[in-house]
Amino acid sequence: MNLGFGEVAIILVVALLLFGPKKLPQLGRAAGQTLHEFKRGMKNVMEDEDETKRKIDANK
């Protein structure tokens, strides 16, 4: 899903109209933190999966 400049601009304008200029920085910060936590969780899952595979391979 690739968004162009026009689509991003429309999304920002709609968000500005819905939430107002005071809420947008808070919403952006919350979205960034959520994305960061999601990436950290996925990294942990991948590391756990790799560790499990190594243990299985070591027992063969």
C-alpha atoms as a PDB file:
ATOM      1  CA  MET A   1       0.000   0.000   0.000  1.00  0.00           C
ATOM      2  CA  ASN A   2       1.791   3.091  -1.244  1.00  0.00           C
ATOM      3  CA  LEU A   3       0.337   6.476  -0.435  1.00  0.00           C
ATOM      4  CA  GLY A   4       1.194   9.466  -2.557  1.00  0.00           C
ATOM      5  CA  PHE A   5       1.501  13.048  -1.419  1.00  0.00           C
ATOM      6  CA  GLY A   6      -2.118  13.829  -2.321  1.00  0.00           C
ATOM      7  CA  GLU A   7      -3.520  10.963  -0.271  1.00  0.00           C
ATOM      8  CA  VAL A   8      -1.394  11.843   2.749  1.00  0.00           C
ATOM      9  CA  ALA A   9      -2.454  15.490   2.490  1.00  0.00           C
ATOM     10  CA  ILE A  10      -6.134  14.523   2.403  1.00  0.00           C
ATOM     11  CA  ILE A  11      -5.713  12.240   5.427  1.00  0.00           C
ATOM     12  CA  LEU A  12      -3.984  15.029   7.357  1.00  0.00           C
ATOM     13  CA  VAL A  13      -6.671  17.567   6.498  1.00  0.00           C
ATOM     14  CA  VAL A  14      -9.439  15.176   7.566  1.00  0.00           C
ATOM     15  CA  ALA A  15      -7.580  14.377  10.801  1.00  0.00           C
ATOM     16  CA  LEU A  16      -7.137  18.098  11.465  1.00  0.00           C
ATOM     17  CA  LEU A  17     -10.849  18.688  10.957  1.00  0.00           C
ATOM     18  CA  LEU A  18     -11.864  15.740  13.144  1.00  0.00           C
ATOM     19  CA  PHE A  19      -9.457  16.182  16.047  1.00  0.00           C
ATOM     20  CA  GLY A  20      -8.348  19.803  15.921  1.00  0.00           C
ATOM     21  CA  PRO A  21      -4.839  21.213  15.949  1.00  0.00           C
ATOM     22  CA  LYS A  22      -4.266  20.645  19.677  1.00  0.00           C
ATOM     23  CA  LYS A  23      -4.926  16.887  19.555  1.00  0.00           C
ATOM     24  CA  LEU A  24      -2.895  16.053  16.432  1.00  0.00           C
ATOM     25  CA  PRO A  25       0.544  16.072  18.108  1.00  0.00           C
ATOM     26  CA  GLN A  26      -0.773  13.787  20.863  1.00  0.00           C
ATOM     27  CA  LEU A  27      -2.294  11.426  18.314  1.00  0.00           C
ATOM     28  CA  GLY A  28       0.926  11.367  16.280  1.00  0.00           C
ATOM     29  CA  ARG A  29       2.981  10.649  19.374  1.00  0.00           C
ATOM     30  CA  ALA A  30       0.625   7.855  20.424  1.00  0.00           C
ATOM     31  CA  ALA A  31       0.710   6.340  16.943  1.00  0.00           C
ATOM     32  CA  GLY A  32       4.516   6.456  16.922  1.00  0.00           C
ATOM     33  CA  GLN A  33       4.753   4.796  20.332  1.00  0.00           C
ATOM     34  CA  THR A  34       2.276   2.128  19.267  1.00  0.00           C
ATOM     35  CA  LEU A  35       4.274   1.386  16.132  1.00  0.00           C
ATOM     36  CA  HIS A  36       7.498   1.245  18.167  1.00  0.00           C
ATOM     37  CA  GLU A  37       5.971  -1.218  20.644  1.00  0.00           C
ATOM     38  CA  PHE A  38       4.606  -3.348  17.810  1.00  0.00           C
ATOM     39  CA  LYS A  39       8.021  -3.522  16.143  1.00  0.00           C
ATOM     40  CA  ARG A  40       9.668  -4.414  19.455  1.00  0.00           C
ATOM     41  CA  GLY A  41       7.107  -7.171  20.032  1.00  0.00           C
ATOM     42  CA  MET A  42       7.622  -8.583  16.539  1.00  0.00           C
ATOM     43  CA  LYS A  43      11.390  -8.550  17.057  1.00  0.00           C
ATOM     44  CA  ASN A  44      10.971 -10.513  20.290  1.00  0.00           C
ATOM     45  CA  VAL A  45       8.718 -13.046  18.563  1.00  0.00           C
ATOM     46  CA  MET A  46      11.250 -13.520  15.770  1.00  0.00           C
ATOM     47  CA  GLU A  47      14.100 -13.934  18.271  1.00  0.00           C
ATOM     48  CA  ASP A  48      12.093 -16.498  20.245  1.00  0.00           C
ATOM     49  CA  GLU A  49      11.310 -18.384  17.046  1.00  0.00           C
ATOM     50  CA  ASP A  50      14.980 -18.423  16.028  1.00  0.00           C
ATOM     51  CA  GLU A  51      15.995 -19.658  19.484  1.00  0.00           C
ATOM     52  CA  THR A  52      13.404 -22.436  19.335  1.00  0.00           C
ATOM     53  CA  LYS A  53      14.665 -23.519  15.901  1.00  0.00           C
ATOM     54  CA  ARG A  54      18.264 -23.599  17.178  1.00  0.00           C
ATOM     55  CA  LYS A  55      17.229 -25.758  20.136  1.00  0.00           C
ATOM     56  CA  ILE A  56      15.346 -28.164  17.870  1.00  0.00           C
ATOM     57  CA  ASP A  57      18.306 -28.384  15.492  1.00  0.00           C
ATOM     58  CA  ALA A  58      20.711 -28.975  18.396  1.00  0.00           C
ATOM     59  CA  ASN A  59      18.600 -31.903  19.634  1.00  0.00           C
ATOM     60  CA  LYS A  60      18.620 -33.697  16.264  1.00  0.00           C
END
